[in-house]
């Protein structure tokens, strides 16, 4: 089932890897490099899932998540955190903030595919 997934990451290689893998699995992907672009996009479009780097220049991943959580139409949308800078002991804090899951960098191809599939809403898009 094709889903619309937003990938937000300022690292070109991570963004391309995630987008290419998700496209390979049949999803439609929009890949953006910063939080401001993500907010602009989310202001008019509701993807089925967001992969969000935490360490974005300017508007951070946590800022983007907080904005999403204030939008009634987006609150049920799963947001997955991606970063290389979070210790395993901090994963619980990310869940408490509202992230559906955590993906460490460098991204694992199998881990990314399995986590995205587990977090996608079930049923028709």
PDB file of N, CA and C in Angstrom:
ATOM      1  N   UNK A   1       0.846  -1.172   0.000  1.00  0.00           N
ATOM      2  CA  UNK A   1       0.000   0.000   0.000  1.00  0.00           C
ATOM      3  C   UNK A   1       0.898   1.243   0.000  1.00  0.00           C
ATOM      4  N   UNK A   2       0.706   2.111  -0.949  1.00  0.00           N
ATOM      5  CA  UNK A   2       1.500   3.322  -1.075  1.00  0.00           C
ATOM      6  C   UNK A   2       1.094   4.337  -0.028  1.00  0.00           C
ATOM      7  N   UNK A   3       2.073   4.876   0.656  1.00  0.00           N
ATOM      8  CA  UNK A   3       1.852   5.912   1.664  1.00  0.00           C
ATOM      9  C   UNK A   3       2.729   7.110   1.338  1.00  0.00           C
ATOM     10  N   UNK A   4       2.305   8.281   1.802  1.00  0.00           N
ATOM     11  CA  UNK A   4       3.076   9.509   1.654  1.00  0.00           C
ATOM     12  C   UNK A   4       3.914   9.697   2.914  1.00  0.00           C
ATOM     13  N   UNK A   5       5.234   9.735   2.739  1.00  0.00           N
ATOM     14  CA  UNK A   5       6.149   9.861   3.872  1.00  0.00           C
ATOM     15  C   UNK A   5       7.023  11.094   3.666  1.00  0.00           C
ATOM     16  N   UNK A   6       7.118  11.910   4.701  1.00  0.00           N
ATOM     17  CA  UNK A   6       7.988  13.087   4.698  1.00  0.00           C
ATOM     18  C   UNK A   6       9.280  12.735   5.422  1.00  0.00           C
ATOM     19  N   UNK A   7      10.404  12.945   4.760  1.00  0.00           N
ATOM     20  CA  UNK A   7      11.729  12.739   5.349  1.00  0.00           C
ATOM     21  C   UNK A   7      12.381  14.110   5.492  1.00  0.00           C
ATOM     22  N   UNK A   8      12.764  14.460   6.724  1.00  0.00           N
ATOM     23  CA  UNK A   8      13.396  15.757   6.979  1.00  0.00           C
ATOM     24  C   UNK A   8      14.751  15.499   7.626  1.00  0.00           C
ATOM     25  N   UNK A   9      15.816  15.822   6.888  1.00  0.00           N
ATOM     26  CA  UNK A   9      17.170  15.597   7.387  1.00  0.00           C
ATOM     27  C   UNK A   9      18.113  16.535   6.651  1.00  0.00           C
ATOM     28  N   UNK A  10      18.968  17.241   7.380  1.00  0.00           N
ATOM     29  CA  UNK A  10      19.910  18.151   6.741  1.00  0.00           C
ATOM     30  C   UNK A  10      21.124  17.425   6.167  1.00  0.00           C
ATOM     31  N   UNK A  11      21.323  16.160   6.527  1.00  0.00           N
ATOM     32  CA  UNK A  11      22.420  15.370   5.982  1.00  0.00           C
ATOM     33  C   UNK A  11      21.971  14.745   4.657  1.00  0.00           C
ATOM     34  N   UNK A  12      22.619  15.155   3.573  1.00  0.00           N
ATOM     35  CA  UNK A  12      22.205  14.706   2.234  1.00  0.00           C
ATOM     36  C   UNK A  12      22.194  13.187   2.101  1.00  0.00           C
ATOM     37  N   UNK A  13      23.227  12.520   2.624  1.00  0.00           N
ATOM     38  CA  UNK A  13      23.318  11.059   2.470  1.00  0.00           C
ATOM     39  C   UNK A  13      22.215  10.344   3.242  1.00  0.00           C
ATOM     40  N   UNK A  14      21.955  10.755   4.462  1.00  0.00           N
ATOM     41  CA  UNK A  14      20.894  10.112   5.260  1.00  0.00           C
ATOM     42  C   UNK A  14      19.526  10.357   4.635  1.00  0.00           C
ATOM     43  N   UNK A  15      19.309  11.590   4.176  1.00  0.00           N
ATOM     44  CA  UNK A  15      18.020  11.932   3.551  1.00  0.00           C
ATOM     45  C   UNK A  15      17.808  11.101   2.289  1.00  0.00           C
ATOM     46  N   UNK A  16      18.852  10.993   1.455  1.00  0.00           N
ATOM     47  CA  UNK A  16      18.735  10.226   0.207  1.00  0.00           C
ATOM     48  C   UNK A  16      18.560   8.743   0.484  1.00  0.00           C
ATOM     49  N   UNK A  17      19.319   8.194   1.440  1.00  0.00           N
ATOM     50  CA  UNK A  17      19.184   6.775   1.778  1.00  0.00           C
ATOM     51  C   UNK A  17      17.761   6.465   2.235  1.00  0.00           C
ATOM     52  N   UNK A  18      17.238   7.258   3.156  1.00  0.00           N
ATOM     53  CA  UNK A  18      15.886   7.015   3.662  1.00  0.00           C
ATOM     54  C   UNK A  18      14.859   7.142   2.541  1.00  0.00           C
ATOM     55  N   UNK A  19      14.974   8.193   1.742  1.00  0.00           N
ATOM     56  CA  UNK A  19      14.007   8.410   0.660  1.00  0.00           C
ATOM     57  C   UNK A  19      14.069   7.284  -0.373  1.00  0.00           C
ATOM     58  N   UNK A  20      15.274   6.905  -0.770  1.00  0.00           N
ATOM     59  CA  UNK A  20      15.416   5.838  -1.774  1.00  0.00           C
ATOM     60  C   UNK A  20      14.854   4.511  -1.254  1.00  0.00           C
ATOM     61  N   UNK A  21      15.154   4.186  -0.014  1.00  0.00           N
ATOM     62  CA  UNK A  21      14.657   2.933   0.554  1.00  0.00           C
ATOM     63  C   UNK A  21      13.130   2.933   0.617  1.00  0.00           C
ATOM     64  N   UNK A  22      12.561   4.021   1.060  1.00  0.00           N
ATOM     65  CA  UNK A  22      11.099   4.089   1.176  1.00  0.00           C
ATOM     66  C   UNK A  22      10.433   4.045  -0.196  1.00  0.00           C
ATOM     67  N   UNK A  23      11.037   4.688  -1.171  1.00  0.00           N
ATOM     68  CA  UNK A  23      10.504   4.610  -2.544  1.00  0.00           C
ATOM     69  C   UNK A  23      10.584   3.179  -3.067  1.00  0.00           C
ATOM     70  N   UNK A  24      11.700   2.498  -2.757  1.00  0.00           N
ATOM     71  CA  UNK A  24      11.864   1.100  -3.163  1.00  0.00           C
ATOM     72  C   UNK A  24      10.738   0.230  -2.587  1.00  0.00           C
ATOM     73  N   UNK A  25      10.244   0.589  -1.415  1.00  0.00           N
ATOM     74  CA  UNK A  25       9.145  -0.145  -0.784  1.00  0.00           C
ATOM     75  C   UNK A  25       7.779   0.345  -1.261  1.00  0.00           C
ATOM     76  N   UNK A  26       7.771   1.203  -2.281  1.00  0.00           N
ATOM     77  CA  UNK A  26       6.528   1.608  -2.915  1.00  0.00           C
ATOM     78  C   UNK A  26       5.868   2.855  -2.362  1.00  0.00           C
ATOM     79  N   UNK A  27       6.552   3.567  -1.488  1.00  0.00           N
ATOM     80  CA  UNK A  27       5.962   4.757  -0.895  1.00  0.00           C
ATOM     81  C   UNK A  27       6.278   5.992  -1.737  1.00  0.00           C
ATOM     82  N   UNK A  28       5.440   6.994  -1.605  1.00  0.00           N
ATOM     83  CA  UNK A  28       5.706   8.312  -2.162  1.00  0.00           C
ATOM     84  C   UNK A  28       6.454   9.087  -1.088  1.00  0.00           C
ATOM     85  N   UNK A  29       7.571   9.701  -1.453  1.00  0.00           N
ATOM     86  CA  UNK A  29       8.420  10.364  -0.467  1.00  0.00           C
ATOM     87  C   UNK A  29       8.671  11.807  -0.871  1.00  0.00           C
ATOM     88  N   UNK A  30       8.540  12.691   0.097  1.00  0.00           N
ATOM     89  CA  UNK A  30       8.975  14.077  -0.043  1.00  0.00           C
ATOM     90  C   UNK A  30      10.151  14.226   0.909  1.00  0.00           C
ATOM     91  N   UNK A  31      11.295  14.656   0.397  1.00  0.00           N
ATOM     92  CA  UNK A  31      12.507  14.778   1.204  1.00  0.00           C
ATOM     93  C   UNK A  31      12.908  16.243   1.291  1.00  0.00           C
ATOM     94  N   UNK A  32      13.020  16.742   2.519  1.00  0.00           N
ATOM     95  CA  UNK A  32      13.354  18.145   2.759  1.00  0.00           C
ATOM     96  C   UNK A  32      14.569  18.243   3.666  1.00  0.00           C
ATOM     97  N   UNK A  33      15.292  19.379   3.582  1.00  0.00           N
ATOM     98  CA  UNK A  33      16.566  19.515   4.279  1.00  0.00           C
ATOM     99  C   UNK A  33      16.509  20.322   5.571  1.00  0.00           C
ATOM    100  N   UNK A  34      15.364  20.941   5.892  1.00  0.00           N
ATOM    101  CA  UNK A  34      15.342  21.726   7.130  1.00  0.00           C
ATOM    102  C   UNK A  34      13.937  21.821   7.721  1.00  0.00           C
ATOM    103  N   UNK A  35      13.901  22.240   8.971  1.00  0.00           N
ATOM    104  CA  UNK A  35      12.647  22.308   9.709  1.00  0.00           C
ATOM    105  C   UNK A  35      11.668  23.335   9.165  1.00  0.00           C
ATOM    106  N   UNK A  36      12.176  24.478   8.721  1.00  0.00           N
ATOM    107  CA  UNK A  36      11.293  25.505   8.173  1.00  0.00           C
ATOM    108  C   UNK A  36      10.563  24.993   6.935  1.00  0.00           C
ATOM    109  N   UNK A  37      11.278  24.295   6.056  1.00  0.00           N
ATOM    110  CA  UNK A  37      10.647  23.719   4.861  1.00  0.00           C
ATOM    111  C   UNK A  37       9.608  22.680   5.263  1.00  0.00           C
ATOM    112  N   UNK A  38       9.909  21.904   6.313  1.00  0.00           N
ATOM    113  CA  UNK A  38       8.946  20.906   6.794  1.00  0.00           C
ATOM    114  C   UNK A  38       7.671  21.571   7.300  1.00  0.00           C
ATOM    115  N   UNK A  39       7.817  22.657   8.055  1.00  0.00           N
ATOM    116  CA  UNK A  39       6.629  23.363   8.558  1.00  0.00           C
ATOM    117  C   UNK A  39       5.799  23.919   7.416  1.00  0.00           C
ATOM    118  N   UNK A  40       6.453  24.491   6.407  1.00  0.00           N
ATOM    119  CA  UNK A  40       5.727  24.996   5.237  1.00  0.00           C
ATOM    120  C   UNK A  40       4.959  23.862   4.559  1.00  0.00           C
ATOM    121  N   UNK A  41       5.619  22.734   4.368  1.00  0.00           N
ATOM    122  CA  UNK A  41       4.989  21.589   3.708  1.00  0.00           C
ATOM    123  C   UNK A  41       3.818  21.064   4.535  1.00  0.00           C
ATOM    124  N   UNK A  42       4.030  20.899   5.833  1.00  0.00           N
ATOM    125  CA  UNK A  42       2.990  20.357   6.709  1.00  0.00           C
ATOM    126  C   UNK A  42       1.818  21.320   6.890  1.00  0.00           C
ATOM    127  N   UNK A  43       2.030  22.580   6.572  1.00  0.00           N
ATOM    128  CA  UNK A  43       0.933  23.544   6.633  1.00  0.00           C
ATOM    129  C   UNK A  43      -0.138  23.295   5.588  1.00  0.00           C
ATOM    130  N   UNK A  44       0.217  22.543   4.539  1.00  0.00           N
ATOM    131  CA  UNK A  44      -0.756  22.301   3.476  1.00  0.00           C
ATOM    132  C   UNK A  44      -0.951  20.830   3.124  1.00  0.00           C
ATOM    133  N   UNK A  45      -0.128  19.947   3.665  1.00  0.00           N
ATOM    134  CA  UNK A  45      -0.182  18.533   3.293  1.00  0.00           C
ATOM    135  C   UNK A  45      -0.038  17.669   4.544  1.00  0.00           C
ATOM    136  N   UNK A  46      -0.822  16.585   4.602  1.00  0.00           N
ATOM    137  CA  UNK A  46      -0.729  15.665   5.740  1.00  0.00           C
ATOM    138  C   UNK A  46      -0.167  14.339   5.253  1.00  0.00           C
ATOM    139  N   UNK A  47       1.137  14.101   5.482  1.00  0.00           N
ATOM    140  CA  UNK A  47       1.686  12.798   5.124  1.00  0.00           C
ATOM    141  C   UNK A  47       1.192  11.728   6.089  1.00  0.00           C
ATOM    142  N   UNK A  48       1.418  10.481   5.739  1.00  0.00           N
ATOM    143  CA  UNK A  48       1.035   9.372   6.611  1.00  0.00           C
ATOM    144  C   UNK A  48       2.032   9.169   7.747  1.00  0.00           C
ATOM    145  N   UNK A  49       3.269   9.645   7.548  1.00  0.00           N
ATOM    146  CA  UNK A  49       4.315   9.461   8.543  1.00  0.00           C
ATOM    147  C   UNK A  49       5.424  10.465   8.258  1.00  0.00           C
ATOM    148  N   UNK A  50       6.127  10.889   9.319  1.00  0.00           N
ATOM    149  CA  UNK A  50       7.261  11.805   9.179  1.00  0.00           C
ATOM    150  C   UNK A  50       8.497  11.171   9.811  1.00  0.00           C
ATOM    151  N   UNK A  51       9.600  11.145   9.064  1.00  0.00           N
ATOM    152  CA  UNK A  51      10.926  10.786   9.591  1.00  0.00           C
ATOM    153  C   UNK A  51      11.641  12.107   9.817  1.00  0.00           C
ATOM    154  N   UNK A  52      12.016  12.394  11.065  1.00  0.00           N
ATOM    155  CA  UNK A  52      12.472  13.725  11.417  1.00  0.00           C
ATOM    156  C   UNK A  52      13.809  13.684  12.153  1.00  0.00           C
ATOM    157  N   UNK A  53      14.827  14.279  11.541  1.00  0.00           N
ATOM    158  CA  UNK A  53      16.119  14.419  12.204  1.00  0.00           C
ATOM    159  C   UNK A  53      15.957  15.405  13.359  1.00  0.00           C
ATOM    160  N   UNK A  54      16.576  15.118  14.482  1.00  0.00           N
ATOM    161  CA  UNK A  54      16.475  16.009  15.637  1.00  0.00           C
ATOM    162  C   UNK A  54      17.387  17.219  15.515  1.00  0.00           C
ATOM    163  N   UNK A  55      18.546  17.037  14.905  1.00  0.00           N
ATOM    164  CA  UNK A  55      19.565  18.088  14.837  1.00  0.00           C
ATOM    165  C   UNK A  55      19.490  18.829  13.503  1.00  0.00           C
ATOM    166  N   UNK A  56      18.461  19.643  13.350  1.00  0.00           N
ATOM    167  CA  UNK A  56      18.311  20.448  12.142  1.00  0.00           C
ATOM    168  C   UNK A  56      18.772  21.871  12.437  1.00  0.00           C
ATOM    169  N   UNK A  57      19.369  22.539  11.458  1.00  0.00           N
ATOM    170  CA  UNK A  57      19.744  23.942  11.670  1.00  0.00           C
ATOM    171  C   UNK A  57      18.488  24.810  11.756  1.00  0.00           C
ATOM    172  N   UNK A  58      18.542  25.830  12.578  1.00  0.00           N
ATOM    173  CA  UNK A  58      17.384  26.718  12.723  1.00  0.00           C
ATOM    174  C   UNK A  58      16.289  26.057  13.532  1.00  0.00           C
ATOM    175  N   UNK A  59      15.232  25.691  12.882  1.00  0.00           N
ATOM    176  CA  UNK A  59      14.079  25.046  13.511  1.00  0.00           C
ATOM    177  C   UNK A  59      14.405  23.565  13.721  1.00  0.00           C
ATOM    178  N   UNK A  60      14.628  23.148  14.956  1.00  0.00           N
ATOM    179  CA  UNK A  60      15.057  21.776  15.248  1.00  0.00           C
ATOM    180  C   UNK A  60      13.929  20.769  15.054  1.00  0.00           C
ATOM    181  N   UNK A  61      14.292  19.499  15.076  1.00  0.00           N
ATOM    182  CA  UNK A  61      13.293  18.444  15.006  1.00  0.00           C
ATOM    183  C   UNK A  61      12.308  18.507  16.166  1.00  0.00           C
ATOM    184  N   UNK A  62      12.792  18.874  17.355  1.00  0.00           N
ATOM    185  CA  UNK A  62      11.898  19.016  18.508  1.00  0.00           C
ATOM    186  C   UNK A  62      10.928  20.169  18.306  1.00  0.00           C
ATOM    187  N   UNK A  63      11.384  21.260  17.670  1.00  0.00           N
ATOM    188  CA  UNK A  63      10.498  22.386  17.354  1.00  0.00           C
ATOM    189  C   UNK A  63       9.413  21.961  16.365  1.00  0.00           C
ATOM    190  N   UNK A  64       9.822  21.197  15.351  1.00  0.00           N
ATOM    191  CA  UNK A  64       8.855  20.714  14.352  1.00  0.00           C
ATOM    192  C   UNK A  64       7.829  19.801  15.022  1.00  0.00           C
ATOM    193  N   UNK A  65       8.285  18.893  15.873  1.00  0.00           N
ATOM    194  CA  UNK A  65       7.360  17.996  16.573  1.00  0.00           C
ATOM    195  C   UNK A  65       6.381  18.795  17.431  1.00  0.00           C
ATOM    196  N   UNK A  66       6.858  19.788  18.165  1.00  0.00           N
ATOM    197  CA  UNK A  66       5.977  20.612  19.005  1.00  0.00           C
ATOM    198  C   UNK A  66       4.915  21.309  18.154  1.00  0.00           C
ATOM    199  N   UNK A  67       5.307  21.800  16.985  1.00  0.00           N
ATOM    200  CA  UNK A  67       4.343  22.452  16.089  1.00  0.00           C
ATOM    201  C   UNK A  67       3.302  21.435  15.606  1.00  0.00           C
ATOM    202  N   UNK A  68       3.757  20.243  15.214  1.00  0.00           N
ATOM    203  CA  UNK A  68       2.841  19.191  14.761  1.00  0.00           C
ATOM    204  C   UNK A  68       1.826  18.876  15.858  1.00  0.00           C
ATOM    205  N   UNK A  69       2.290  18.782  17.089  1.00  0.00           N
ATOM    206  CA  UNK A  69       1.421  18.418  18.203  1.00  0.00           C
ATOM    207  C   UNK A  69       0.355  19.481  18.493  1.00  0.00           C
ATOM    208  N   UNK A  70       0.587  20.704  18.046  1.00  0.00           N
ATOM    209  CA  UNK A  70      -0.412  21.780  18.237  1.00  0.00           C
ATOM    210  C   UNK A  70      -1.445  21.828  17.108  1.00  0.00           C
ATOM    211  N   UNK A  71      -1.248  21.010  16.063  1.00  0.00           N
ATOM    212  CA  UNK A  71      -2.163  21.007  14.918  1.00  0.00           C
ATOM    213  C   UNK A  71      -3.142  19.844  15.061  1.00  0.00           C
ATOM    214  N   UNK A  72      -4.421  20.118  15.314  1.00  0.00           N
ATOM    215  CA  UNK A  72      -5.372  19.012  15.504  1.00  0.00           C
ATOM    216  C   UNK A  72      -5.385  17.998  14.364  1.00  0.00           C
ATOM    217  N   UNK A  73      -5.236  18.448  13.135  1.00  0.00           N
ATOM    218  CA  UNK A  73      -5.293  17.531  11.991  1.00  0.00           C
ATOM    219  C   UNK A  73      -4.054  16.646  11.876  1.00  0.00           C
ATOM    220  N   UNK A  74      -2.987  16.983  12.584  1.00  0.00           N
ATOM    221  CA  UNK A  74      -1.738  16.233  12.468  1.00  0.00           C
ATOM    222  C   UNK A  74      -1.385  15.422  13.706  1.00  0.00           C
ATOM    223  N   UNK A  75      -2.124  15.578  14.785  1.00  0.00           N
ATOM    224  CA  UNK A  75      -1.737  14.974  16.053  1.00  0.00           C
ATOM    225  C   UNK A  75      -1.637  13.462  16.017  1.00  0.00           C
ATOM    226  N   UNK A  76      -2.418  12.788  15.195  1.00  0.00           N
ATOM    227  CA  UNK A  76      -2.382  11.320  15.135  1.00  0.00           C
ATOM    228  C   UNK A  76      -1.304  10.798  14.179  1.00  0.00           C
ATOM    229  N   UNK A  77      -0.652  11.696  13.452  1.00  0.00           N
ATOM    230  CA  UNK A  77       0.365  11.301  12.481  1.00  0.00           C
ATOM    231  C   UNK A  77       1.639  10.851  13.208  1.00  0.00           C
ATOM    232  N   UNK A  78       2.141   9.636  12.925  1.00  0.00           N
ATOM    233  CA  UNK A  78       3.363   9.188  13.592  1.00  0.00           C
ATOM    234  C   UNK A  78       4.584   9.975  13.117  1.00  0.00           C
ATOM    235  N   UNK A  79       5.412  10.355  14.085  1.00  0.00           N
ATOM    236  CA  UNK A  79       6.662  11.055  13.800  1.00  0.00           C
ATOM    237  C   UNK A  79       7.794  10.221  14.395  1.00  0.00           C
ATOM    238  N   UNK A  80       8.756   9.856  13.566  1.00  0.00           N
ATOM    239  CA  UNK A  80       9.899   9.050  13.992  1.00  0.00           C
ATOM    240  C   UNK A  80      11.119   9.942  14.108  1.00  0.00           C
ATOM    241  N   UNK A  81      11.820   9.852  15.224  1.00  0.00           N
ATOM    242  CA  UNK A  81      13.036  10.632  15.444  1.00  0.00           C
ATOM    243  C   UNK A  81      14.222   9.919  14.817  1.00  0.00           C
ATOM    244  N   UNK A  82      15.104  10.698  14.181  1.00  0.00           N
ATOM    245  CA  UNK A  82      16.364  10.181  13.652  1.00  0.00           C
ATOM    246  C   UNK A  82      17.498  11.057  14.173  1.00  0.00           C
ATOM    247  N   UNK A  83      18.538  10.442  14.696  1.00  0.00           N
ATOM    248  CA  UNK A  83      19.717  11.204  15.107  1.00  0.00           C
ATOM    249  C   UNK A  83      20.858  10.278  15.462  1.00  0.00           C
ATOM    250  N   UNK A  84      22.044  10.828  15.410  1.00  0.00           N
ATOM    251  CA  UNK A  84      23.228  10.092  15.837  1.00  0.00           C
ATOM    252  C   UNK A  84      23.647  10.502  17.231  1.00  0.00           C
ATOM    253  N   UNK A  85      22.965  11.504  17.800  1.00  0.00           N
ATOM    254  CA  UNK A  85      23.458  12.108  19.038  1.00  0.00           C
ATOM    255  C   UNK A  85      22.611  11.827  20.278  1.00  0.00           C
ATOM    256  N   UNK A  86      21.797  10.789  20.262  1.00  0.00           N
ATOM    257  CA  UNK A  86      20.995  10.458  21.437  1.00  0.00           C
ATOM    258  C   UNK A  86      21.492   9.145  22.024  1.00  0.00           C
ATOM    259  N   UNK A  87      21.730   9.148  23.313  1.00  0.00           N
ATOM    260  CA  UNK A  87      22.179   7.950  24.014  1.00  0.00           C
ATOM    261  C   UNK A  87      20.988   7.018  24.242  1.00  0.00           C
ATOM    262  N   UNK A  88      21.224   5.716  24.326  1.00  0.00           N
ATOM    263  CA  UNK A  88      20.123   4.773  24.568  1.00  0.00           C
ATOM    264  C   UNK A  88      19.280   5.133  25.792  1.00  0.00           C
ATOM    265  N   UNK A  89      19.888   5.704  26.805  1.00  0.00           N
ATOM    266  CA  UNK A  89      19.140   6.085  28.002  1.00  0.00           C
ATOM    267  C   UNK A  89      18.165   7.225  27.752  1.00  0.00           C
ATOM    268  N   UNK A  90      18.316   7.928  26.631  1.00  0.00           N
ATOM    269  CA  UNK A  90      17.443   9.058  26.308  1.00  0.00           C
ATOM    270  C   UNK A  90      16.271   8.674  25.399  1.00  0.00           C
ATOM    271  N   UNK A  91      16.225   7.435  24.935  1.00  0.00           N
ATOM    272  CA  UNK A  91      15.152   7.022  24.028  1.00  0.00           C
ATOM    273  C   UNK A  91      13.777   7.174  24.680  1.00  0.00           C
ATOM    274  N   UNK A  92      13.677   6.881  25.969  1.00  0.00           N
ATOM    275  CA  UNK A  92      12.409   7.032  26.679  1.00  0.00           C
ATOM    276  C   UNK A  92      11.931   8.468  26.692  1.00  0.00           C
ATOM    277  N   UNK A  93      12.863   9.416  26.795  1.00  0.00           N
ATOM    278  CA  UNK A  93      12.500  10.832  26.774  1.00  0.00           C
ATOM    279  C   UNK A  93      11.886  11.210  25.429  1.00  0.00           C
ATOM    280  N   UNK A  94      12.432  10.643  24.349  1.00  0.00           N
ATOM    281  CA  UNK A  94      11.874  10.925  23.023  1.00  0.00           C
ATOM    282  C   UNK A  94      10.450  10.395  22.920  1.00  0.00           C
ATOM    283  N   UNK A  95      10.198   9.222  23.457  1.00  0.00           N
ATOM    284  CA  UNK A  95       8.842   8.665  23.444  1.00  0.00           C
ATOM    285  C   UNK A  95       7.899   9.542  24.264  1.00  0.00           C
ATOM    286  N   UNK A  96       8.357  10.030  25.400  1.00  0.00           N
ATOM    287  CA  UNK A  96       7.521  10.899  26.232  1.00  0.00           C
ATOM    288  C   UNK A  96       7.204  12.212  25.518  1.00  0.00           C
ATOM    289  N   UNK A  97       8.099  12.672  24.691  1.00  0.00           N
ATOM    290  CA  UNK A  97       7.864  13.906  23.933  1.00  0.00           C
ATOM    291  C   UNK A  97       6.841  13.683  22.818  1.00  0.00           C
ATOM    292  N   UNK A  98       6.626  12.414  22.440  1.00  0.00           N
ATOM    293  CA  UNK A  98       5.611  12.129  21.439  1.00  0.00           C
ATOM    294  C   UNK A  98       6.106  11.461  20.171  1.00  0.00           C
ATOM    295  N   UNK A  99       7.395  11.109  20.118  1.00  0.00           N
ATOM    296  CA  UNK A  99       7.881  10.391  18.943  1.00  0.00           C
ATOM    297  C   UNK A  99       7.378   8.949  18.988  1.00  0.00           C
ATOM    298  N   UNK A 100       6.969   8.438  17.832  1.00  0.00           N
ATOM    299  CA  UNK A 100       6.445   7.071  17.743  1.00  0.00           C
ATOM    300  C   UNK A 100       7.565   6.043  17.824  1.00  0.00           C
ATOM    301  N   UNK A 101       8.775   6.431  17.403  1.00  0.00           N
ATOM    302  CA  UNK A 101       9.911   5.511  17.416  1.00  0.00           C
ATOM    303  C   UNK A 101      11.186   6.317  17.227  1.00  0.00           C
ATOM    304  N   UNK A 102      12.315   5.631  17.419  1.00  0.00           N
ATOM    305  CA  UNK A 102      13.623   6.255  17.287  1.00  0.00           C
ATOM    306  C   UNK A 102      14.473   5.436  16.323  1.00  0.00           C
ATOM    307  N   UNK A 103      15.157   6.117  15.414  1.00  0.00           N
ATOM    308  CA  UNK A 103      16.098   5.481  14.495  1.00  0.00           C
ATOM    309  C   UNK A 103      17.458   6.135  14.674  1.00  0.00           C
ATOM    310  N   UNK A 104      18.453   5.344  15.012  1.00  0.00           N
ATOM    311  CA  UNK A 104      19.802   5.859  15.160  1.00  0.00           C
ATOM    312  C   UNK A 104      20.507   5.964  13.821  1.00  0.00           C
ATOM    313  N   UNK A 105      21.459   6.883  13.768  1.00  0.00           N
ATOM    314  CA  UNK A 105      22.297   7.021  12.581  1.00  0.00           C
ATOM    315  C   UNK A 105      23.672   6.479  12.909  1.00  0.00           C
ATOM    316  N   UNK A 106      24.329   5.868  11.956  1.00  0.00           N
ATOM    317  CA  UNK A 106      23.876   5.703  10.578  1.00  0.00           C
ATOM    318  C   UNK A 106      22.655   4.785  10.513  1.00  0.00           C
ATOM    319  N   UNK A 107      21.791   5.090   9.557  1.00  0.00           N
ATOM    320  CA  UNK A 107      20.551   4.334   9.420  1.00  0.00           C
ATOM    321  C   UNK A 107      20.824   2.889   9.017  1.00  0.00           C
ATOM    322  N   UNK A 108      20.099   1.987   9.620  1.00  0.00           N
ATOM    323  CA  UNK A 108      20.113   0.574   9.241  1.00  0.00           C
ATOM    324  C   UNK A 108      19.004   0.358   8.219  1.00  0.00           C
ATOM    325  N   UNK A 109      19.342  -0.209   7.089  1.00  0.00           N
ATOM    326  CA  UNK A 109      18.342  -0.410   6.036  1.00  0.00           C
ATOM    327  C   UNK A 109      17.192  -1.282   6.534  1.00  0.00           C
ATOM    328  N   UNK A 110      17.521  -2.415   7.155  1.00  0.00           N
ATOM    329  CA  UNK A 110      16.463  -3.294   7.679  1.00  0.00           C
ATOM    330  C   UNK A 110      15.708  -2.617   8.811  1.00  0.00           C
ATOM    331  N   UNK A 111      16.419  -1.937   9.692  1.00  0.00           N
ATOM    332  CA  UNK A 111      15.787  -1.268  10.823  1.00  0.00           C
ATOM    333  C   UNK A 111      14.850  -0.164  10.377  1.00  0.00           C
ATOM    334  N   UNK A 112      15.263   0.607   9.392  1.00  0.00           N
ATOM    335  CA  UNK A 112      14.422   1.692   8.878  1.00  0.00           C
ATOM    336  C   UNK A 112      13.138   1.129   8.282  1.00  0.00           C
ATOM    337  N   UNK A 113      13.264   0.133   7.418  1.00  0.00           N
ATOM    338  CA  UNK A 113      12.087  -0.443   6.768  1.00  0.00           C
ATOM    339  C   UNK A 113      11.124  -1.039   7.789  1.00  0.00           C
ATOM    340  N   UNK A 114      11.649  -1.785   8.747  1.00  0.00           N
ATOM    341  CA  UNK A 114      10.794  -2.436   9.746  1.00  0.00           C
ATOM    342  C   UNK A 114      10.120  -1.419  10.659  1.00  0.00           C
ATOM    343  N   UNK A 115      10.852  -0.395  11.074  1.00  0.00           N
ATOM    344  CA  UNK A 115      10.288   0.608  11.981  1.00  0.00           C
ATOM    345  C   UNK A 115       9.209   1.431  11.291  1.00  0.00           C
ATOM    346  N   UNK A 116       9.473   1.833  10.057  1.00  0.00           N
ATOM    347  CA  UNK A 116       8.472   2.595   9.308  1.00  0.00           C
ATOM    348  C   UNK A 116       7.218   1.749   9.118  1.00  0.00           C
ATOM    349  N   UNK A 117       7.375   0.505   8.709  1.00  0.00           N
ATOM    350  CA  UNK A 117       6.214  -0.364   8.495  1.00  0.00           C
ATOM    351  C   UNK A 117       5.401  -0.535   9.786  1.00  0.00           C
ATOM    352  N   UNK A 118       6.090  -0.701  10.908  1.00  0.00           N
ATOM    353  CA  UNK A 118       5.400  -0.890  12.195  1.00  0.00           C
ATOM    354  C   UNK A 118       4.660   0.375  12.622  1.00  0.00           C
ATOM    355  N   UNK A 119       5.138   1.535  12.231  1.00  0.00           N
ATOM    356  CA  UNK A 119       4.546   2.783  12.689  1.00  0.00           C
ATOM    357  C   UNK A 119       3.500   3.360  11.738  1.00  0.00           C
ATOM    358  N   UNK A 120       3.452   2.870  10.512  1.00  0.00           N
ATOM    359  CA  UNK A 120       2.456   3.372   9.559  1.00  0.00           C
ATOM    360  C   UNK A 120       1.049   3.022  10.033  1.00  0.00           C
ATOM    361  N   UNK A 121       0.114   3.949   9.891  1.00  0.00           N
ATOM    362  CA  UNK A 121      -1.266   3.626  10.236  1.00  0.00           C
ATOM    363  C   UNK A 121      -1.780   2.472   9.376  1.00  0.00           C
ATOM    364  N   UNK A 122      -2.556   1.620   9.982  1.00  0.00           N
ATOM    365  CA  UNK A 122      -3.135   0.472   9.276  1.00  0.00           C
ATOM    366  C   UNK A 122      -4.407   0.913   8.541  1.00  0.00           C
ATOM    367  N   UNK A 123      -4.757   0.194   7.520  1.00  0.00           N
ATOM    368  CA  UNK A 123      -5.966   0.504   6.767  1.00  0.00           C
ATOM    369  C   UNK A 123      -5.663   1.386   5.581  1.00  0.00           C
ATOM    370  N   UNK A 124      -6.698   1.805   4.851  1.00  0.00           N
ATOM    371  CA  UNK A 124      -6.504   2.615   3.643  1.00  0.00           C
ATOM    372  C   UNK A 124      -5.897   3.964   3.983  1.00  0.00           C
ATOM    373  N   UNK A 125      -5.068   4.488   3.083  1.00  0.00           N
ATOM    374  CA  UNK A 125      -4.482   5.817   3.321  1.00  0.00           C
ATOM    375  C   UNK A 125      -5.519   6.902   3.268  1.00  0.00           C
TER     376      UNK A 125
END
